[in-house]
């Protein structure tokens, strides 16, 4: 690929990633507002949340077949179109069925294009670690800016109108990828040069299992905290501030993570697991109308996500050769989204039961297995 085309492709990838992560960061707040404005029951609120994750898992399947540049670009573009249609429906529909169908379309579209993002970066740029860091930092900034933008939106419009931002970013990404792909060839997508890897099925499966549990718990908290806040009578402005809190912590720590050596990545996952468990315990014990407590939980969620984000992806890639990056990207996102869907389905957000905290027990074995190949490699 030529340098100008690489730049357009990377800008498209960043726009698509920003659209995807903006949705992740603001929809829990939009959902809390929708449930309050439309009188949506807690069961239907949870359905809106985990239907997206289930649809995303379904959409991930085609990305495994992106074996050359033509298929890669076609799938990326198609996923953006489906995602954009879902966002448009979410903004305009006033019926629960329309909102649900919109979330399903957005999940399908995100499932198609989001796993291709790290794969595109890894096969396009030799210094993939640096560009993966740019990707993580940019999406982190978007995740901070999007909830903060909700504060302005809340003063003038209903909160769900902020989904227009997501729609606009996905349209920009589609436009850039269309321009960039017009001069492309049908050459096979060759793996980028990278550092030698240590092939370890045990290590890879341990990382994926760790991602399933940690992201499952953090996803549950990302939805449960705003829903409880809405039930406690928080205003839209307060909900927007609550939604921005974890992403401020996430962005600041993600930027600092650029200097963390890869041999510390297993320890980062351990600290992420500990913080996730502490956040669950704190949330279960919070009294009603405890705004500082809810903000503290969300801040902890952001730190835990940052500690798990780049380390989990880098560790997963380190256990396979570069020809399997596409498959591992799919499995990594699949584990995170299945974990989120499982926890949202299995545990009631309004419950104070400690059973969700007990789900952290398997992490002890998984994290030990994750660090084992690293010790052998050292």
Protein backbone atom coordinates (compact mmCIF):
# COMPACT_ATOMS: atom_id res chain seq x y z
CA UNK A 1 0.00 0.00 0.00
CA UNK A 2 1.15 3.58 -0.65
CA UNK A 3 1.74 5.96 2.27
CA UNK A 4 -1.27 8.24 1.43
CA UNK A 5 -3.53 5.21 1.25
CA UNK A 6 -2.12 3.89 4.53
CA UNK A 7 -2.90 7.23 6.17
CA UNK A 8 -6.48 7.24 4.83
CA UNK A 9 -6.90 3.66 5.96
CA UNK A 10 -5.62 4.44 9.45
CA UNK A 11 -7.88 7.50 9.69
CA UNK A 12 -10.82 5.33 8.65
CA UNK A 13 -9.86 2.76 11.28
CA UNK A 14 -9.64 5.48 13.95
CA UNK A 15 -13.03 6.93 12.93
CA UNK A 16 -14.66 3.50 13.02
CA UNK A 17 -13.04 2.67 16.36
CA UNK A 18 -14.17 6.05 17.72
CA UNK A 19 -17.73 5.40 16.60
CA UNK A 20 -17.70 1.96 18.18
CA UNK A 21 -16.18 3.10 21.48
CA UNK A 22 -18.34 6.22 21.68
CA UNK A 23 -21.33 3.90 21.54
CA UNK A 24 -19.86 1.73 24.30
CA UNK A 25 -19.22 4.76 26.51
CA UNK A 26 -22.52 6.62 26.11
CA UNK A 27 -25.14 3.92 25.57
CA UNK A 28 -25.31 2.88 29.25
CA UNK A 29 -26.21 6.52 30.00
CA UNK A 30 -28.60 6.75 27.04
CA UNK A 31 -30.21 3.50 28.17
CA UNK A 32 -30.73 4.84 31.68
CA UNK A 33 -32.33 7.97 30.18
CA UNK A 34 -34.52 5.90 27.81
CA UNK A 35 -35.69 3.66 30.63
CA UNK A 36 -36.71 6.74 32.60
CA UNK A 37 -38.33 8.65 29.70
CA UNK A 38 -40.17 5.72 28.06
CA UNK A 39 -40.92 3.74 31.22
CA UNK A 40 -38.94 0.73 30.00
CA UNK A 41 -38.94 -2.09 32.55
CA UNK A 42 -35.69 -3.35 34.08
CA UNK A 43 -36.06 -6.63 32.13
CA UNK A 44 -36.38 -4.80 28.80
CA UNK A 45 -33.53 -2.47 29.75
CA UNK A 46 -31.27 -5.48 30.24
CA UNK A 47 -32.58 -6.94 26.96
CA UNK A 48 -31.48 -3.79 25.13
CA UNK A 49 -28.06 -4.14 26.74
CA UNK A 50 -27.25 -7.80 26.12
CA UNK A 51 -29.03 -8.12 22.75
CA UNK A 52 -26.28 -5.86 21.38
CA UNK A 53 -23.61 -8.19 22.76
CA UNK A 54 -25.29 -11.30 21.36
CA UNK A 55 -25.67 -9.65 17.94
CA UNK A 56 -22.04 -8.53 18.06
CA UNK A 57 -20.93 -12.10 18.69
CA UNK A 58 -22.91 -13.22 15.64
CA UNK A 59 -21.38 -10.47 13.52
CA UNK A 60 -17.84 -11.48 14.47
CA UNK A 61 -18.00 -14.76 12.51
CA UNK A 62 -17.52 -13.33 8.96
CA UNK A 63 -14.37 -11.41 9.95
CA UNK A 64 -12.46 -14.69 10.22
CA UNK A 65 -12.74 -15.08 6.43
CA UNK A 66 -10.95 -11.80 5.63
CA UNK A 67 -8.03 -13.48 3.86
CA UNK A 68 -7.13 -10.74 1.36
CA UNK A 69 -7.39 -6.97 1.05
CA UNK A 70 -10.56 -7.01 -1.08
CA UNK A 71 -12.52 -9.13 1.42
CA UNK A 72 -11.07 -7.20 4.37
CA UNK A 73 -12.18 -3.85 2.97
CA UNK A 74 -15.59 -5.20 1.86
CA UNK A 75 -16.35 -6.63 5.30
CA UNK A 76 -15.14 -3.49 7.06
CA UNK A 77 -17.32 -1.31 4.83
CA UNK A 78 -20.36 -3.60 5.14
CA UNK A 79 -20.11 -3.62 8.93
CA UNK A 80 -20.05 0.17 8.99
CA UNK A 81 -23.21 0.35 6.84
CA UNK A 82 -25.12 -2.04 9.13
CA UNK A 83 -23.89 -0.20 12.23
CA UNK A 84 -24.94 3.17 10.77
CA UNK A 85 -28.44 1.92 9.92
CA UNK A 86 -28.86 0.70 13.50
CA UNK A 87 -27.73 4.06 14.89
CA UNK A 88 -30.21 5.87 12.63
CA UNK A 89 -33.03 3.64 13.86
CA UNK A 90 -32.03 4.16 17.49
CA UNK A 91 -32.25 7.95 17.05
CA UNK A 92 -35.61 7.98 15.27
CA UNK A 93 -37.69 5.14 16.75
CA UNK A 94 -40.14 5.74 19.57
CA UNK A 95 -41.18 2.10 19.99
CA UNK A 96 -39.33 -0.48 22.07
CA UNK A 97 -39.26 -2.90 19.13
CA UNK A 98 -37.57 -0.25 16.99
CA UNK A 99 -35.01 0.50 19.70
CA UNK A 100 -34.31 -3.20 20.09
CA UNK A 101 -33.90 -3.75 16.34
CA UNK A 102 -31.60 -0.73 16.19
CA UNK A 103 -29.36 -2.17 18.91
CA UNK A 104 -29.30 -5.55 17.17
CA UNK A 105 -28.21 -3.92 13.90
CA UNK A 106 -25.53 -1.91 15.69
CA UNK A 107 -24.27 -5.07 17.38
CA UNK A 108 -24.14 -6.95 14.08
CA UNK A 109 -22.31 -4.13 12.34
CA UNK A 110 -19.83 -3.63 15.17
CA UNK A 111 -19.25 -7.37 15.25
CA UNK A 112 -18.27 -7.32 11.59
CA UNK A 113 -15.91 -4.31 11.55
CA UNK A 114 -14.50 -4.03 15.10
CA UNK A 115 -12.42 -7.26 15.09
CA UNK A 116 -10.84 -6.12 11.82
CA UNK A 117 -9.38 -2.98 13.43
CA UNK A 118 -6.38 -4.57 15.25
CA UNK A 119 -5.96 -6.96 12.34
CA UNK A 120 -5.77 -4.08 9.81
CA UNK A 121 -3.27 -2.26 12.01
CA UNK A 122 -1.15 -5.36 12.53
CA UNK A 123 -0.89 -6.29 8.85
CA UNK A 124 -0.49 -2.72 7.56
CA UNK A 125 2.14 -1.25 9.87
CA UNK A 126 5.45 -2.82 10.86
CA UNK A 127 5.52 -0.97 14.18
CA UNK A 128 2.17 -2.38 15.21
CA UNK A 129 2.69 -1.75 18.94
CA UNK A 130 2.96 2.00 18.36
CA UNK A 131 -0.13 2.12 16.14
CA UNK A 132 -2.09 -0.09 18.55
CA UNK A 133 -1.19 2.46 21.23
CA UNK A 134 -2.46 5.30 19.00
CA UNK A 135 -5.66 3.32 18.53
CA UNK A 136 -6.14 2.76 22.28
CA UNK A 137 -5.35 6.38 23.17
CA UNK A 138 -7.63 7.83 20.49
CA UNK A 139 -10.56 5.65 21.45
CA UNK A 140 -9.95 6.49 25.10
CA UNK A 141 -10.13 10.22 24.33
CA UNK A 142 -13.38 9.65 22.43
CA UNK A 143 -14.77 7.70 25.36
CA UNK A 144 -14.05 10.69 27.60
CA UNK A 145 -15.34 13.30 25.17
CA UNK A 146 -18.56 11.46 24.29
CA UNK A 147 -20.03 11.37 27.82
CA UNK A 148 -18.90 14.95 28.42
CA UNK A 149 -20.70 15.95 25.21
CA UNK A 150 -23.82 14.44 26.75
CA UNK A 151 -23.76 17.21 29.34
CA UNK A 152 -24.22 19.81 26.60
CA UNK A 153 -26.78 17.64 24.82
CA UNK A 154 -28.76 17.20 28.04
CA UNK A 155 -29.27 20.95 28.25
CA UNK A 156 -30.89 21.18 24.81
CA UNK A 157 -32.13 17.77 23.64
CA UNK A 158 -33.00 14.32 24.87
CA UNK A 159 -29.90 12.23 25.53
CA UNK A 160 -30.46 9.71 22.75
CA UNK A 161 -29.93 12.45 20.13
CA UNK A 162 -26.23 12.09 20.98
CA UNK A 163 -26.28 8.86 18.96
CA UNK A 164 -26.04 11.21 15.94
CA UNK A 165 -22.36 11.62 16.88
CA UNK A 166 -21.88 7.86 16.55
CA UNK A 167 -23.68 7.90 13.22
CA UNK A 168 -21.49 10.75 11.94
CA UNK A 169 -18.24 9.02 12.90
CA UNK A 170 -19.27 5.80 11.16
CA UNK A 171 -20.18 7.73 8.00
CA UNK A 172 -16.75 9.42 8.04
CA UNK A 173 -15.06 6.04 8.45
CA UNK A 174 -17.04 4.64 5.51
CA UNK A 175 -16.13 7.61 3.32
CA UNK A 176 -12.42 7.28 4.10
CA UNK A 177 -12.33 3.52 3.52
CA UNK A 178 -14.20 3.99 0.23
CA UNK A 179 -11.62 6.52 -0.98
CA UNK A 180 -8.73 4.46 0.34
CA UNK A 181 -9.89 1.21 -1.22
CA UNK A 182 -10.46 2.67 -4.68
CA UNK A 183 -6.73 2.46 -5.45
CA UNK A 184 -6.13 -0.84 -3.71
CA UNK A 185 -5.11 -4.12 -5.22
CA UNK A 186 -6.26 -7.66 -4.73
CA UNK A 187 -2.98 -8.80 -3.25
CA UNK A 188 -3.09 -11.19 -0.37
CA UNK A 189 -2.89 -9.43 2.96
CA UNK A 190 0.54 -10.35 4.20
CA UNK A 191 1.34 -10.53 7.89
CA UNK A 192 3.41 -7.65 9.15
CA UNK A 193 6.84 -8.22 10.51
CA UNK A 194 6.84 -8.53 14.24
CA UNK A 195 8.67 -9.90 17.22
CA UNK A 196 9.01 -13.63 17.64
CA UNK A 197 6.11 -15.19 19.49
CA UNK A 198 5.80 -18.00 21.98
CA UNK A 199 3.09 -20.35 20.72
CA UNK A 200 1.08 -21.49 23.72
CA UNK A 201 -2.48 -22.73 23.58
CA UNK A 202 -2.69 -22.74 27.37
CA UNK A 203 -1.57 -19.12 27.53
CA UNK A 204 -4.00 -18.02 24.81
CA UNK A 205 -6.99 -19.81 26.36
CA UNK A 206 -6.07 -18.41 29.78
CA UNK A 207 -6.02 -14.86 28.40
CA UNK A 208 -9.38 -15.37 26.69
CA UNK A 209 -10.89 -16.80 29.88
CA UNK A 210 -9.51 -13.90 31.88
CA UNK A 211 -10.99 -11.43 29.37
CA UNK A 212 -14.36 -13.19 29.61
CA UNK A 213 -14.57 -12.75 33.38
CA UNK A 214 -12.95 -9.32 33.81
CA UNK A 215 -14.80 -7.67 30.93
CA UNK A 216 -18.00 -9.46 31.94
CA UNK A 217 -17.80 -7.94 35.41
CA UNK A 218 -16.80 -4.49 34.16
CA UNK A 219 -19.54 -4.47 31.49
CA UNK A 220 -22.09 -5.39 34.13
CA UNK A 221 -20.91 -2.50 36.31
CA UNK A 222 -20.94 -0.08 33.35
CA UNK A 223 -24.68 -0.74 32.96
CA UNK A 224 -25.66 -1.43 36.57
CA UNK A 225 -24.24 1.79 38.03
CA UNK A 226 -26.11 4.24 35.71
CA UNK A 227 -29.32 2.19 35.98
CA UNK A 228 -29.19 2.38 39.76
CA UNK A 229 -28.38 6.10 39.54
CA UNK A 230 -31.41 6.68 37.28
CA UNK A 231 -33.58 4.78 39.75
CA UNK A 232 -32.20 6.97 42.55
CA UNK A 233 -33.33 10.09 40.66
CA UNK A 234 -30.10 11.32 39.04
CA UNK A 235 -30.63 14.02 36.40
CA UNK A 236 -29.41 13.58 32.80
CA UNK A 237 -26.47 15.90 33.52
CA UNK A 238 -25.47 13.82 36.54
CA UNK A 239 -25.77 10.64 34.48
CA UNK A 240 -23.51 12.15 31.81
CA UNK A 241 -20.88 13.03 34.44
CA UNK A 242 -21.16 9.52 35.82
CA UNK A 243 -20.63 8.08 32.34
CA UNK A 244 -17.53 10.22 31.71
CA UNK A 245 -15.81 9.18 34.93
CA UNK A 246 -14.50 5.71 33.93
CA UNK A 247 -13.27 6.93 30.56
CA UNK A 248 -11.26 9.76 32.08
CA UNK A 249 -9.43 7.19 34.21
CA UNK A 250 -9.16 4.82 31.24
CA UNK A 251 -7.61 7.41 28.89
CA UNK A 252 -5.08 8.72 31.39
CA UNK A 253 -3.87 5.25 32.32
CA UNK A 254 -3.93 3.96 28.70
CA UNK A 255 -1.54 6.76 27.74
CA UNK A 256 0.78 5.80 30.59
CA UNK A 257 0.60 2.12 29.59
CA UNK A 258 2.72 2.88 26.50
CA UNK A 259 5.81 2.70 28.69
CA UNK A 260 4.94 -0.57 30.43
CA UNK A 261 7.16 -3.47 29.36
CA UNK A 262 5.44 -6.56 28.02
CA UNK A 263 6.81 -8.80 30.79
CA UNK A 264 4.63 -6.81 33.22
CA UNK A 265 1.43 -7.49 31.26
CA UNK A 266 0.38 -10.57 33.31
CA UNK A 267 0.71 -8.47 36.48
CA UNK A 268 -1.46 -5.79 34.89
CA UNK A 269 -4.20 -8.39 34.38
CA UNK A 270 -3.86 -9.45 38.02
CA UNK A 271 -4.31 -5.88 39.25
CA UNK A 272 -7.25 -5.44 36.85
CA UNK A 273 -8.93 -8.53 38.29
CA UNK A 274 -8.38 -7.29 41.85
CA UNK A 275 -9.84 -3.86 41.08
CA UNK A 276 -12.82 -5.41 39.31
CA UNK A 277 -13.59 -7.54 42.36
CA UNK A 278 -13.21 -4.57 44.72
CA UNK A 279 -15.56 -2.49 42.55
CA UNK A 280 -18.19 -5.25 42.69
CA UNK A 281 -17.91 -5.49 46.48
CA UNK A 282 -18.14 -1.70 46.85
CA UNK A 283 -21.15 -1.44 44.53
CA UNK A 284 -23.03 -4.19 46.36
CA UNK A 285 -22.51 -2.41 49.67
CA UNK A 286 -23.37 1.15 48.60
CA UNK A 287 -26.33 2.81 50.31
CA UNK A 288 -29.13 4.42 48.30
CA UNK A 289 -28.36 7.83 46.74
CA UNK A 290 -24.61 7.55 47.26
CA UNK A 291 -23.33 9.74 44.43
CA UNK A 292 -19.67 9.80 45.58
CA UNK A 293 -19.72 6.03 45.95
CA UNK A 294 -21.10 5.48 42.44
CA UNK A 295 -18.49 7.87 40.99
CA UNK A 296 -15.77 5.97 42.84
CA UNK A 297 -16.98 2.65 41.45
CA UNK A 298 -17.03 4.00 37.89
CA UNK A 299 -13.54 5.50 38.32
CA UNK A 300 -12.28 2.09 39.48
CA UNK A 301 -13.95 0.45 36.48
CA UNK A 302 -11.99 2.76 34.16
CA UNK A 303 -8.67 1.90 35.82
CA UNK A 304 -9.41 -1.83 35.63
CA UNK A 305 -10.31 -1.58 31.93
CA UNK A 306 -7.09 0.27 31.11
CA UNK A 307 -5.00 -2.30 32.96
CA UNK A 308 -6.63 -5.12 30.98
CA UNK A 309 -7.00 -3.49 27.55
CA UNK A 310 -3.58 -3.42 25.84
CA UNK A 311 -2.06 -6.22 27.98
CA UNK A 312 -4.80 -8.72 27.10
CA UNK A 313 -4.55 -7.98 23.35
CA UNK A 314 -0.75 -8.00 23.34
CA UNK A 315 -0.59 -11.22 25.37
CA UNK A 316 -3.11 -12.93 23.10
CA UNK A 317 -1.06 -11.92 20.04
CA UNK A 318 2.17 -13.07 21.72
CA UNK A 319 0.94 -16.66 21.95
CA UNK A 320 0.37 -17.07 18.18
CA UNK A 321 2.17 -16.22 14.97
CA UNK A 322 1.11 -13.15 12.98
CA UNK A 323 -0.89 -15.16 10.44
CA UNK A 324 -3.47 -15.85 13.17
CA UNK A 325 -3.90 -12.24 14.32
CA UNK A 326 -7.31 -11.99 12.61
CA UNK A 327 -8.60 -15.10 14.36
CA UNK A 328 -7.20 -14.04 17.73
CA UNK A 329 -8.74 -10.56 17.35
CA UNK A 330 -12.13 -12.23 16.81
CA UNK A 331 -11.67 -14.53 19.81
CA UNK A 332 -10.53 -11.64 22.04
CA UNK A 333 -13.57 -9.50 21.26
CA UNK A 334 -15.81 -12.56 21.35
CA UNK A 335 -14.61 -13.37 24.89
CA UNK A 336 -15.21 -9.80 26.07
CA UNK A 337 -18.69 -9.54 24.55
CA UNK A 338 -19.82 -13.01 25.62
CA UNK A 339 -18.61 -12.17 29.11
CA UNK A 340 -20.63 -8.96 29.08
CA UNK A 341 -23.73 -10.71 27.75
CA UNK A 342 -23.39 -13.54 30.29
CA UNK A 343 -23.05 -11.25 33.29
CA UNK A 344 -25.89 -8.98 32.19
CA UNK A 345 -28.15 -12.00 31.71
CA UNK A 346 -27.05 -13.92 34.80
CA UNK A 347 -26.96 -11.18 37.44
CA UNK A 348 -29.71 -8.68 38.21
CA UNK A 349 -28.33 -5.13 38.23
CA UNK A 350 -30.60 -4.17 41.14
CA UNK A 351 -29.54 -7.15 43.26
CA UNK A 352 -27.13 -6.80 46.19
CA UNK A 353 -26.28 -10.50 46.14
CA UNK A 354 -22.56 -11.31 46.61
CA UNK A 355 -22.81 -14.18 44.09
CA UNK A 356 -21.36 -12.06 41.29
CA UNK A 357 -18.23 -11.47 43.38
CA UNK A 358 -17.72 -15.24 43.69
CA UNK A 359 -17.41 -15.43 39.90
CA UNK A 360 -13.89 -14.01 40.32
CA UNK A 361 -12.63 -17.26 41.87
CA UNK A 362 -11.66 -18.92 38.53
CA UNK A 363 -9.45 -15.91 37.76
CA UNK A 364 -6.85 -17.20 40.20
CA UNK A 365 -6.14 -20.27 38.04
CA UNK A 366 -6.53 -18.40 34.74
CA UNK A 367 -4.09 -15.66 35.72
CA UNK A 368 -1.56 -18.22 36.94
CA UNK A 369 -1.79 -20.03 33.58
CA UNK A 370 -1.45 -16.73 31.74
CA UNK A 371 1.81 -15.91 33.49
CA UNK A 372 3.23 -19.44 33.15
CA UNK A 373 4.32 -19.16 29.47
CA UNK A 374 5.88 -15.79 30.27
CA UNK A 375 7.98 -17.34 33.01
CA UNK A 376 9.11 -20.11 30.67
CA UNK A 377 9.94 -17.62 27.93
CA UNK A 378 11.98 -15.56 30.35
